[in-house]
């Protein structure tokens, strides 16, 4: 599946580039929809990593796999420069070539775990079974907040710092790359901490820190030291949360349903990143040049997630919840 997803993502990448060159927004939406296949790599990688490691080390293992989010940082840093150096479509060709190289590396170096046995069950019944598990929707909500927050800022931060601080697109991209890199490096930390303690407490710290830093951002700390420290620390809390949530998925989901549950949870994370940029744009105060309402909504969302996690979810799941999903 690593090979298939890498190869299947090449055509949509090139099509998105063609739509951009042609100036067609409707085609950009259509091809962007198919580019979503690349995001399914999370549903492939989590059970793959799980099968190689014993439960006590899966938090760290899935956290290291999740460091693949560094692609967001690399994209924020290199894409504006590549477009300036090579042109819009040529940049997409470079990305397509990187996907082809990735597929080749998968063929050469990757192997399934010795104990791996492929499932022959139909896909739709497995997804329906995963959808009936409470853990699926509980983890989907948590991941929509932490990963959604990361995706939202990774996409919208260039616009934010350009509006608030007047940086150029290249400078804004460099600062966004720093934000994304901090979140990426923090993800395995969240996973490793979840191996040592209950993931619930790691996730709670993530939500508390996210709420606090988003509230500080409301006051527009001056550039570059204070604003940089604010958003880098926010990225660290979000990164720790992403690692903690997926470590929790690995512990709570039935072994035969980890892939299906992960797919739904990962999709929720992507969906969680869809709405905040729309909200930030819609609530931008052009008169006073601030995003106060959008940031306060993030504070409120993080506090709701914190309360839900603290009150409704157990640090140590009962054995009954570890039973196999219904067929």
Protein backbone atom coordinates (compact mmCIF):
# COMPACT_ATOMS: atom_id res chain seq x y z
CA UNK A 1 0.00 0.00 0.00
CA UNK A 2 2.93 2.38 0.57
CA UNK A 3 3.94 1.76 -3.04
CA UNK A 4 0.40 2.07 -4.37
CA UNK A 5 -0.38 5.32 -2.52
CA UNK A 6 2.91 6.91 -3.64
CA UNK A 7 2.28 6.04 -7.28
CA UNK A 8 -1.42 6.93 -7.19
CA UNK A 9 -0.56 10.42 -5.90
CA UNK A 10 1.60 11.32 -8.91
CA UNK A 11 -1.19 12.00 -11.41
CA UNK A 12 -3.23 14.25 -9.07
CA UNK A 13 -0.09 16.27 -8.24
CA UNK A 14 0.56 16.91 -11.93
CA UNK A 15 -3.14 17.64 -12.54
CA UNK A 16 -3.21 20.21 -9.72
CA UNK A 17 -0.18 21.88 -11.28
CA UNK A 18 -1.88 21.96 -14.68
CA UNK A 19 -5.02 23.44 -13.15
CA UNK A 20 -2.92 26.15 -11.48
CA UNK A 21 -1.13 27.01 -14.71
CA UNK A 22 -4.47 27.10 -16.54
CA UNK A 23 -6.01 29.31 -13.86
CA UNK A 24 -9.02 27.00 -13.39
CA UNK A 25 -10.28 26.99 -9.81
CA UNK A 26 -13.02 24.35 -10.47
CA UNK A 27 -10.41 21.95 -11.88
CA UNK A 28 -8.16 22.72 -8.91
CA UNK A 29 -10.94 21.55 -6.60
CA UNK A 30 -11.60 18.39 -8.63
CA UNK A 31 -7.94 17.38 -8.85
CA UNK A 32 -7.35 18.40 -5.24
CA UNK A 33 -10.07 15.94 -4.24
CA UNK A 34 -8.15 13.10 -5.87
CA UNK A 35 -4.91 14.33 -4.32
CA UNK A 36 -6.48 13.40 -0.98
CA UNK A 37 -5.38 9.82 -1.68
CA UNK A 38 -1.93 10.85 -0.41
CA UNK A 39 -3.41 11.47 3.04
CA UNK A 40 -4.41 7.82 3.35
CA UNK A 41 -0.77 7.00 4.04
CA UNK A 42 -1.52 7.46 7.76
CA UNK A 43 -3.98 4.58 7.64
CA UNK A 44 -1.25 2.47 6.03
CA UNK A 45 1.63 3.43 8.29
CA UNK A 46 0.09 3.09 11.75
CA UNK A 47 -0.81 -0.63 11.50
CA UNK A 48 2.47 -1.22 9.63
CA UNK A 49 4.46 0.27 12.54
CA UNK A 50 2.28 -1.51 15.09
CA UNK A 51 3.03 -4.89 13.57
CA UNK A 52 6.81 -4.38 14.00
CA UNK A 53 6.75 -3.37 17.69
CA UNK A 54 5.43 -4.70 20.97
CA UNK A 55 2.66 -2.61 22.60
CA UNK A 56 5.06 -0.93 25.06
CA UNK A 57 6.97 0.72 22.20
CA UNK A 58 4.19 1.49 19.75
CA UNK A 59 3.69 5.05 20.94
CA UNK A 60 7.25 5.98 20.02
CA UNK A 61 7.12 3.96 16.80
CA UNK A 62 3.94 5.60 15.54
CA UNK A 63 5.33 8.97 16.63
CA UNK A 64 8.43 8.47 14.51
CA UNK A 65 6.25 7.46 11.57
CA UNK A 66 4.19 10.59 12.18
CA UNK A 67 7.34 12.67 11.75
CA UNK A 68 6.49 12.37 8.08
CA UNK A 69 4.56 15.57 8.77
CA UNK A 70 7.95 17.19 8.15
CA UNK A 71 6.84 17.23 4.53
CA UNK A 72 4.59 20.11 5.48
CA UNK A 73 7.58 22.05 6.81
CA UNK A 74 9.63 21.24 3.72
CA UNK A 75 6.77 22.29 1.48
CA UNK A 76 6.27 25.59 3.30
CA UNK A 77 9.98 26.36 2.98
CA UNK A 78 10.77 25.08 -0.53
CA UNK A 79 7.57 25.47 -2.56
CA UNK A 80 7.62 29.31 -2.79
CA UNK A 81 11.30 29.15 -3.72
CA UNK A 82 10.81 26.37 -6.29
CA UNK A 83 7.96 28.29 -7.92
CA UNK A 84 10.19 31.37 -8.12
CA UNK A 85 13.17 29.39 -9.47
CA UNK A 86 11.53 26.85 -11.78
CA UNK A 87 7.93 27.90 -12.34
CA UNK A 88 4.59 26.57 -11.07
CA UNK A 89 4.18 23.41 -13.15
CA UNK A 90 7.87 22.45 -12.92
CA UNK A 91 7.52 22.54 -9.12
CA UNK A 92 4.72 19.98 -9.34
CA UNK A 93 6.87 17.82 -11.62
CA UNK A 94 9.60 17.84 -8.94
CA UNK A 95 7.05 16.71 -6.33
CA UNK A 96 5.81 13.96 -8.67
CA UNK A 97 9.39 12.78 -9.15
CA UNK A 98 9.88 12.70 -5.38
CA UNK A 99 6.79 10.47 -5.10
CA UNK A 100 8.20 8.12 -7.76
CA UNK A 101 11.50 7.89 -5.87
CA UNK A 102 9.57 7.19 -2.66
CA UNK A 103 7.74 4.31 -4.33
CA UNK A 104 11.06 2.90 -5.58
CA UNK A 105 12.57 3.11 -2.09
CA UNK A 106 9.53 1.27 -0.72
CA UNK A 107 10.12 -1.53 -3.21
CA UNK A 108 13.81 -1.79 -2.32
CA UNK A 109 13.97 -1.35 1.46
CA UNK A 110 10.55 -1.98 3.05
CA UNK A 111 9.38 -5.34 4.34
CA UNK A 112 6.28 -6.44 6.22
CA UNK A 113 6.73 -7.58 9.81
CA UNK A 114 7.42 -11.32 10.18
CA UNK A 115 4.13 -11.87 11.97
CA UNK A 116 2.03 -9.89 9.48
CA UNK A 117 -0.93 -11.68 7.90
CA UNK A 118 -3.01 -9.85 5.35
CA UNK A 119 -6.76 -9.59 5.80
CA UNK A 120 -9.01 -10.99 3.09
CA UNK A 121 -12.20 -9.50 4.56
CA UNK A 122 -14.16 -7.08 2.36
CA UNK A 123 -13.30 -3.43 2.97
CA UNK A 124 -16.76 -1.94 3.53
CA UNK A 125 -17.81 -4.36 6.32
CA UNK A 126 -14.51 -3.65 8.13
CA UNK A 127 -15.12 0.09 7.89
CA UNK A 128 -18.69 -0.32 9.14
CA UNK A 129 -17.43 -2.42 12.04
CA UNK A 130 -14.84 0.23 12.91
CA UNK A 131 -17.51 2.94 12.70
CA UNK A 132 -19.55 1.10 15.34
CA UNK A 133 -16.70 1.23 17.86
CA UNK A 134 -16.93 4.15 20.33
CA UNK A 135 -13.12 4.43 20.34
CA UNK A 136 -13.18 5.39 16.67
CA UNK A 137 -15.26 8.53 17.16
CA UNK A 138 -13.67 9.46 20.47
CA UNK A 139 -10.19 9.40 18.95
CA UNK A 140 -11.47 11.06 15.76
CA UNK A 141 -12.70 14.04 17.78
CA UNK A 142 -9.40 14.40 19.65
CA UNK A 143 -7.33 14.07 16.49
CA UNK A 144 -9.52 16.56 14.64
CA UNK A 145 -8.51 19.13 17.25
CA UNK A 146 -4.76 18.46 17.55
CA UNK A 147 -3.90 17.45 13.99
CA UNK A 148 -6.56 19.75 12.59
CA UNK A 149 -4.96 22.60 14.51
CA UNK A 150 -1.56 21.70 13.10
CA UNK A 151 -2.84 21.46 9.51
CA UNK A 152 -4.78 24.70 9.87
CA UNK A 153 -1.78 26.69 11.10
CA UNK A 154 0.59 25.03 8.65
CA UNK A 155 -1.70 26.22 5.84
CA UNK A 156 -2.85 29.56 7.20
CA UNK A 157 0.22 30.78 9.09
CA UNK A 158 1.82 32.31 5.95
CA UNK A 159 -1.28 34.45 5.51
CA UNK A 160 -1.43 35.20 9.23
CA UNK A 161 2.15 36.45 9.61
CA UNK A 162 1.93 38.35 6.33
CA UNK A 163 -1.20 40.17 7.52
CA UNK A 164 -0.20 40.77 11.12
CA UNK A 165 3.55 41.34 10.75
CA UNK A 166 3.93 42.30 7.08
CA UNK A 167 6.36 39.54 6.08
CA UNK A 168 6.93 38.62 2.43
CA UNK A 169 5.62 35.25 1.15
CA UNK A 170 9.13 33.74 1.27
CA UNK A 171 9.78 34.99 4.81
CA UNK A 172 6.31 33.86 5.91
CA UNK A 173 6.99 30.43 4.42
CA UNK A 174 10.26 30.14 6.33
CA UNK A 175 8.52 30.93 9.61
CA UNK A 176 5.76 28.45 8.83
CA UNK A 177 8.41 25.82 8.15
CA UNK A 178 9.78 26.43 11.64
CA UNK A 179 6.30 25.96 13.10
CA UNK A 180 5.77 22.70 11.20
CA UNK A 181 9.24 21.38 12.07
CA UNK A 182 8.62 21.96 15.79
CA UNK A 183 5.35 20.02 15.61
CA UNK A 184 7.04 17.22 13.69
CA UNK A 185 9.85 16.84 16.23
CA UNK A 186 7.36 16.93 19.10
CA UNK A 187 5.22 14.11 17.69
CA UNK A 188 7.53 11.20 18.64
CA UNK A 189 8.00 12.88 22.02
CA UNK A 190 4.25 12.63 22.56
CA UNK A 191 4.35 8.99 21.48
CA UNK A 192 7.30 8.15 23.74
CA UNK A 193 5.64 9.86 26.71
CA UNK A 194 2.52 7.80 26.00
CA UNK A 195 4.62 4.63 26.29
CA UNK A 196 5.66 5.69 29.81
CA UNK A 197 2.35 7.01 31.08
CA UNK A 198 -1.30 6.89 30.08
CA UNK A 199 -1.84 8.69 26.73
CA UNK A 200 -4.79 10.50 28.32
CA UNK A 201 -2.47 12.67 30.40
CA UNK A 202 -0.27 13.47 27.39
CA UNK A 203 -3.34 14.56 25.43
CA UNK A 204 -4.61 16.65 28.35
CA UNK A 205 -1.30 18.52 28.53
CA UNK A 206 -1.51 19.10 24.78
CA UNK A 207 -4.99 20.63 24.97
CA UNK A 208 -4.12 22.79 27.98
CA UNK A 209 -0.98 24.11 26.31
CA UNK A 210 -2.79 24.74 23.03
CA UNK A 211 -5.48 26.79 24.77
CA UNK A 212 -2.90 28.83 26.71
CA UNK A 213 -0.70 29.62 23.70
CA UNK A 214 -3.63 30.46 21.43
CA UNK A 215 -4.82 32.90 24.09
CA UNK A 216 -1.37 34.51 24.23
CA UNK A 217 -1.40 34.84 20.42
CA UNK A 218 -4.55 36.97 20.72
CA UNK A 219 -2.36 39.79 22.06
CA UNK A 220 -0.09 39.70 18.98
CA UNK A 221 3.36 39.25 20.57
CA UNK A 222 5.95 41.41 18.78
CA UNK A 223 8.17 39.83 16.12
CA UNK A 224 10.38 37.92 15.89
CA UNK A 225 11.43 36.50 19.25
CA UNK A 226 8.14 36.67 21.15
CA UNK A 227 5.84 35.78 18.28
CA UNK A 228 8.20 33.03 17.21
CA UNK A 229 8.35 31.61 20.73
CA UNK A 230 4.55 31.71 20.96
CA UNK A 231 3.87 29.81 17.75
CA UNK A 232 6.77 27.38 18.13
CA UNK A 233 5.53 26.45 21.61
CA UNK A 234 2.00 26.11 20.25
CA UNK A 235 3.37 23.77 17.57
CA UNK A 236 5.11 21.67 20.22
CA UNK A 237 1.88 21.20 22.18
CA UNK A 238 -0.01 20.27 19.00
CA UNK A 239 2.75 17.84 17.97
CA UNK A 240 2.77 16.16 21.37
CA UNK A 241 -1.00 15.78 21.10
CA UNK A 242 -0.86 14.12 17.67
CA UNK A 243 1.65 11.59 18.98
CA UNK A 244 -0.42 10.98 22.10
CA UNK A 245 -3.68 10.45 20.24
CA UNK A 246 -2.26 7.88 17.83
CA UNK A 247 -0.50 6.09 20.67
CA UNK A 248 -3.92 5.94 22.32
CA UNK A 249 -5.44 4.53 19.12
CA UNK A 250 -2.80 1.80 19.04
CA UNK A 251 -3.64 0.86 22.64
CA UNK A 252 -7.43 1.02 22.46
CA UNK A 253 -8.36 -0.20 18.97
CA UNK A 254 -8.82 -3.96 18.47
CA UNK A 255 -5.73 -5.38 16.77
CA UNK A 256 -7.58 -6.51 13.62
CA UNK A 257 -9.27 -3.11 13.26
CA UNK A 258 -6.32 -0.77 13.78
CA UNK A 259 -6.08 0.06 10.06
CA UNK A 260 -9.79 0.80 9.68
CA UNK A 261 -9.95 2.85 12.88
CA UNK A 262 -6.79 4.73 11.92
CA UNK A 263 -8.23 5.56 8.51
CA UNK A 264 -11.33 7.16 10.02
CA UNK A 265 -9.30 8.98 12.69
CA UNK A 266 -6.82 10.30 10.12
CA UNK A 267 -9.67 11.50 7.92
CA UNK A 268 -11.11 13.35 10.91
CA UNK A 269 -7.75 15.05 11.39
CA UNK A 270 -7.76 16.25 7.80
CA UNK A 271 -11.33 17.45 8.15
CA UNK A 272 -10.38 19.22 11.39
CA UNK A 273 -7.81 21.21 9.43
CA UNK A 274 -10.34 22.24 6.81
CA UNK A 275 -12.56 24.57 8.82
CA UNK A 276 -10.15 26.74 10.89
CA UNK A 277 -8.64 28.57 7.88
CA UNK A 278 -12.17 29.40 6.71
CA UNK A 279 -13.04 30.66 10.18
CA UNK A 280 -9.81 32.68 10.42
CA UNK A 281 -10.48 34.31 7.07
CA UNK A 282 -14.13 35.00 7.85
CA UNK A 283 -13.41 36.50 11.28
CA UNK A 284 -10.40 38.62 10.29
CA UNK A 285 -10.83 42.19 11.52
CA UNK A 286 -9.41 44.34 8.74
CA UNK A 287 -10.00 47.55 10.67
CA UNK A 288 -7.88 46.57 13.66
CA UNK A 289 -5.77 43.98 11.79
CA UNK A 290 -6.35 41.05 14.12
CA UNK A 291 -7.62 37.46 14.26
CA UNK A 292 -8.92 37.72 17.81
CA UNK A 293 -12.23 35.91 17.22
CA UNK A 294 -10.63 33.00 15.37
CA UNK A 295 -7.95 32.51 18.02
CA UNK A 296 -10.49 32.68 20.85
CA UNK A 297 -12.53 30.01 19.06
CA UNK A 298 -9.41 27.83 19.06
CA UNK A 299 -9.04 28.46 22.79
CA UNK A 300 -12.66 27.42 23.35
CA UNK A 301 -12.29 24.30 21.17
CA UNK A 302 -9.16 23.18 23.02
CA UNK A 303 -10.87 23.70 26.37
CA UNK A 304 -13.91 21.69 25.26
CA UNK A 305 -11.61 18.85 24.12
CA UNK A 306 -9.70 19.07 27.42
CA UNK A 307 -12.91 18.80 29.43
CA UNK A 308 -14.25 15.94 27.33
CA UNK A 309 -10.98 14.00 27.67
CA UNK A 310 -10.75 14.61 31.42
CA UNK A 311 -14.37 13.71 32.21
CA UNK A 312 -15.47 11.11 29.66
CA UNK A 313 -12.37 9.09 28.72
CA UNK A 314 -10.58 6.59 30.94
CA UNK A 315 -6.82 6.61 31.34
CA UNK A 316 -6.76 2.79 31.40
CA UNK A 317 -9.27 1.15 29.08
CA UNK A 318 -11.28 -1.78 30.45
CA UNK A 319 -10.48 -5.13 28.86
CA UNK A 320 -13.96 -5.32 27.36
CA UNK A 321 -13.14 -2.40 25.11
CA UNK A 322 -10.14 -4.30 23.73
CA UNK A 323 -12.27 -7.06 22.26
CA UNK A 324 -12.49 -7.50 18.54
CA UNK A 325 -14.87 -5.31 16.58
CA UNK A 326 -18.15 -6.92 15.48
CA UNK A 327 -18.05 -8.54 12.08
